[in-house]
């Protein structure tokens, strides 16, 4: 029986998702920002949609990133949900802080930005 992988990067998650897409659909997806645990992508279909792909850590202490956007590719607001995970030891707290810093890097690159022309190039 094949062992299920418990830890993967955001890049591995995105690649797994893209395996199901044909080349035309893949051509309509672009990476906006990337860290080990997060990738912000934009996809063009009937509208332009910004999404966050998350990896998975050993303890899954990855804060969520929420996006408020319009249908044209404008990210009105990107926010991090860093709700408490309960009491944690120092090692897990440091892991969470590192993951929170990655989430901040992604939010800084997409918050209040207009990506509506990204597919015109």
C-alpha atoms as a PDB file:
ATOM      1  CA  UNK A   1       0.000   0.000   0.000  1.00  0.00           C
ATOM      2  CA  UNK A   2       1.326   3.425  -0.974  1.00  0.00           C
ATOM      3  CA  UNK A   3       2.181   5.695   1.945  1.00  0.00           C
ATOM      4  CA  UNK A   4       0.415   9.053   1.875  1.00  0.00           C
ATOM      5  CA  UNK A   5       2.783  12.004   2.053  1.00  0.00           C
ATOM      6  CA  UNK A   6       2.004  14.183   5.066  1.00  0.00           C
ATOM      7  CA  UNK A   7       4.220  17.191   4.281  1.00  0.00           C
ATOM      8  CA  UNK A   8       4.432  18.994   0.951  1.00  0.00           C
ATOM      9  CA  UNK A   9       5.284  22.429  -0.376  1.00  0.00           C
ATOM     10  CA  UNK A  10       2.865  24.794  -2.055  1.00  0.00           C
ATOM     11  CA  UNK A  11       4.739  24.137  -5.326  1.00  0.00           C
ATOM     12  CA  UNK A  12       4.094  20.398  -5.023  1.00  0.00           C
ATOM     13  CA  UNK A  13       0.415  21.072  -4.332  1.00  0.00           C
ATOM     14  CA  UNK A  14       0.129  23.334  -7.379  1.00  0.00           C
ATOM     15  CA  UNK A  15       1.924  20.818  -9.610  1.00  0.00           C
ATOM     16  CA  UNK A  16      -0.444  18.061  -8.459  1.00  0.00           C
ATOM     17  CA  UNK A  17      -3.440  20.225  -9.329  1.00  0.00           C
ATOM     18  CA  UNK A  18      -2.010  21.205 -12.719  1.00  0.00           C
ATOM     19  CA  UNK A  19      -1.544  17.557 -13.716  1.00  0.00           C
ATOM     20  CA  UNK A  20      -5.324  17.401 -14.241  1.00  0.00           C
ATOM     21  CA  UNK A  21      -5.369  20.407 -16.596  1.00  0.00           C
ATOM     22  CA  UNK A  22      -4.824  20.518 -20.346  1.00  0.00           C
ATOM     23  CA  UNK A  23      -2.245  22.907 -21.825  1.00  0.00           C
ATOM     24  CA  UNK A  24      -4.831  25.569 -22.715  1.00  0.00           C
ATOM     25  CA  UNK A  25      -6.050  25.768 -19.126  1.00  0.00           C
ATOM     26  CA  UNK A  26      -2.474  25.795 -17.783  1.00  0.00           C
ATOM     27  CA  UNK A  27      -1.686  28.766 -20.059  1.00  0.00           C
ATOM     28  CA  UNK A  28      -4.372  30.762 -18.246  1.00  0.00           C
ATOM     29  CA  UNK A  29      -2.700  30.410 -14.832  1.00  0.00           C
ATOM     30  CA  UNK A  30       0.119  32.654 -13.630  1.00  0.00           C
ATOM     31  CA  UNK A  31       2.027  32.795 -10.342  1.00  0.00           C
ATOM     32  CA  UNK A  32       1.828  36.171  -8.600  1.00  0.00           C
ATOM     33  CA  UNK A  33       3.932  35.417  -5.518  1.00  0.00           C
ATOM     34  CA  UNK A  34       5.595  32.351  -4.047  1.00  0.00           C
ATOM     35  CA  UNK A  35       7.168  31.112  -0.822  1.00  0.00           C
ATOM     36  CA  UNK A  36       7.792  27.547   0.320  1.00  0.00           C
ATOM     37  CA  UNK A  37       4.366  27.200   1.924  1.00  0.00           C
ATOM     38  CA  UNK A  38       2.246  29.598  -0.157  1.00  0.00           C
ATOM     39  CA  UNK A  39       1.687  30.427  -3.817  1.00  0.00           C
ATOM     40  CA  UNK A  40      -0.632  33.185  -4.987  1.00  0.00           C
ATOM     41  CA  UNK A  41      -1.953  32.402  -8.457  1.00  0.00           C
ATOM     42  CA  UNK A  42      -4.243  34.154 -10.870  1.00  0.00           C
ATOM     43  CA  UNK A  43      -6.428  32.234 -13.300  1.00  0.00           C
ATOM     44  CA  UNK A  44      -8.385  33.478 -16.280  1.00  0.00           C
ATOM     45  CA  UNK A  45     -11.717  31.921 -17.136  1.00  0.00           C
ATOM     46  CA  UNK A  46     -15.076  33.648 -17.363  1.00  0.00           C
ATOM     47  CA  UNK A  47     -13.577  36.055 -14.851  1.00  0.00           C
ATOM     48  CA  UNK A  48     -10.098  36.548 -13.390  1.00  0.00           C
ATOM     49  CA  UNK A  49      -9.675  34.813 -10.049  1.00  0.00           C
ATOM     50  CA  UNK A  50      -6.858  35.130  -7.509  1.00  0.00           C
ATOM     51  CA  UNK A  51      -6.261  32.077  -5.304  1.00  0.00           C
ATOM     52  CA  UNK A  52      -3.858  30.991  -2.598  1.00  0.00           C
ATOM     53  CA  UNK A  53      -2.337  27.507  -2.748  1.00  0.00           C
ATOM     54  CA  UNK A  54      -1.012  26.221   0.579  1.00  0.00           C
ATOM     55  CA  UNK A  55       1.435  23.452   1.268  1.00  0.00           C
ATOM     56  CA  UNK A  56       1.191  21.288   4.343  1.00  0.00           C
ATOM     57  CA  UNK A  57       3.580  21.275   7.271  1.00  0.00           C
ATOM     58  CA  UNK A  58       4.141  18.540   9.842  1.00  0.00           C
ATOM     59  CA  UNK A  59       1.815  20.234  12.329  1.00  0.00           C
ATOM     60  CA  UNK A  60      -0.244  22.148   9.755  1.00  0.00           C
ATOM     61  CA  UNK A  61       0.411  25.489  11.471  1.00  0.00           C
ATOM     62  CA  UNK A  62      -0.164  27.498   8.304  1.00  0.00           C
ATOM     63  CA  UNK A  63      -2.223  30.655   8.731  1.00  0.00           C
ATOM     64  CA  UNK A  64      -4.933  31.088   6.100  1.00  0.00           C
ATOM     65  CA  UNK A  65      -4.867  33.963   3.624  1.00  0.00           C
ATOM     66  CA  UNK A  66      -8.215  35.375   2.548  1.00  0.00           C
ATOM     67  CA  UNK A  67      -8.709  37.530  -0.515  1.00  0.00           C
ATOM     68  CA  UNK A  68     -11.425  40.051  -1.262  1.00  0.00           C
ATOM     69  CA  UNK A  69     -11.402  40.626  -5.021  1.00  0.00           C
ATOM     70  CA  UNK A  70     -13.464  41.703  -7.980  1.00  0.00           C
ATOM     71  CA  UNK A  71     -14.047  39.601 -11.080  1.00  0.00           C
ATOM     72  CA  UNK A  72     -11.481  41.533 -13.159  1.00  0.00           C
ATOM     73  CA  UNK A  73      -8.329  40.674 -11.174  1.00  0.00           C
ATOM     74  CA  UNK A  74      -8.211  43.481  -8.631  1.00  0.00           C
ATOM     75  CA  UNK A  75      -7.255  42.279  -5.142  1.00  0.00           C
ATOM     76  CA  UNK A  76      -9.123  44.730  -2.934  1.00  0.00           C
ATOM     77  CA  UNK A  77      -7.829  43.224   0.283  1.00  0.00           C
ATOM     78  CA  UNK A  78      -5.679  40.272   1.339  1.00  0.00           C
ATOM     79  CA  UNK A  79      -5.790  39.288   4.994  1.00  0.00           C
ATOM     80  CA  UNK A  80      -4.159  36.683   7.197  1.00  0.00           C
ATOM     81  CA  UNK A  81      -6.188  34.646   9.635  1.00  0.00           C
ATOM     82  CA  UNK A  82      -3.801  33.861  12.443  1.00  0.00           C
ATOM     83  CA  UNK A  83      -6.393  32.650  14.914  1.00  0.00           C
ATOM     84  CA  UNK A  84      -4.932  30.983  17.975  1.00  0.00           C
ATOM     85  CA  UNK A  85      -3.929  27.335  17.749  1.00  0.00           C
ATOM     86  CA  UNK A  86      -4.076  26.953  21.532  1.00  0.00           C
ATOM     87  CA  UNK A  87      -1.090  26.725  23.828  1.00  0.00           C
ATOM     88  CA  UNK A  88       2.023  25.513  22.029  1.00  0.00           C
ATOM     89  CA  UNK A  89       5.610  24.788  22.994  1.00  0.00           C
ATOM     90  CA  UNK A  90       8.452  27.000  21.825  1.00  0.00           C
ATOM     91  CA  UNK A  91       9.357  24.916  18.751  1.00  0.00           C
ATOM     92  CA  UNK A  92       5.797  24.966  17.403  1.00  0.00           C
ATOM     93  CA  UNK A  93       5.460  28.664  18.197  1.00  0.00           C
ATOM     94  CA  UNK A  94       8.620  29.415  16.201  1.00  0.00           C
ATOM     95  CA  UNK A  95       7.307  27.287  13.319  1.00  0.00           C
ATOM     96  CA  UNK A  96       4.050  29.241  13.344  1.00  0.00           C
ATOM     97  CA  UNK A  97       5.907  32.574  13.378  1.00  0.00           C
ATOM     98  CA  UNK A  98       8.009  31.491  10.370  1.00  0.00           C
ATOM     99  CA  UNK A  99       4.856  30.464   8.513  1.00  0.00           C
ATOM    100  CA  UNK A 100       3.184  33.745   9.466  1.00  0.00           C
ATOM    101  CA  UNK A 101       6.160  35.630   7.993  1.00  0.00           C
ATOM    102  CA  UNK A 102       5.701  33.711   4.723  1.00  0.00           C
ATOM    103  CA  UNK A 103       1.998  34.629   4.693  1.00  0.00           C
ATOM    104  CA  UNK A 104       2.950  38.274   5.228  1.00  0.00           C
ATOM    105  CA  UNK A 105       5.301  38.131   2.204  1.00  0.00           C
ATOM    106  CA  UNK A 106       2.450  36.884   0.008  1.00  0.00           C
ATOM    107  CA  UNK A 107      -0.044  39.449   1.304  1.00  0.00           C
ATOM    108  CA  UNK A 108       2.435  42.292   0.757  1.00  0.00           C
ATOM    109  CA  UNK A 109       2.744  41.300  -2.909  1.00  0.00           C
ATOM    110  CA  UNK A 110      -0.980  41.068  -3.683  1.00  0.00           C
ATOM    111  CA  UNK A 111      -2.877  43.317  -1.244  1.00  0.00           C
ATOM    112  CA  UNK A 112      -4.667  46.215  -2.943  1.00  0.00           C
ATOM    113  CA  UNK A 113      -3.069  45.418  -6.319  1.00  0.00           C
ATOM    114  CA  UNK A 114      -4.612  45.368  -9.779  1.00  0.00           C
ATOM    115  CA  UNK A 115      -3.721  42.283 -11.826  1.00  0.00           C
ATOM    116  CA  UNK A 116      -6.355  42.843 -14.514  1.00  0.00           C
ATOM    117  CA  UNK A 117      -3.754  43.352 -17.266  1.00  0.00           C
ATOM    118  CA  UNK A 118      -1.557  40.363 -16.415  1.00  0.00           C
ATOM    119  CA  UNK A 119      -2.875  38.274 -19.303  1.00  0.00           C
ATOM    120  CA  UNK A 120      -2.364  41.047 -21.876  1.00  0.00           C
ATOM    121  CA  UNK A 121       1.399  40.414 -22.044  1.00  0.00           C
END
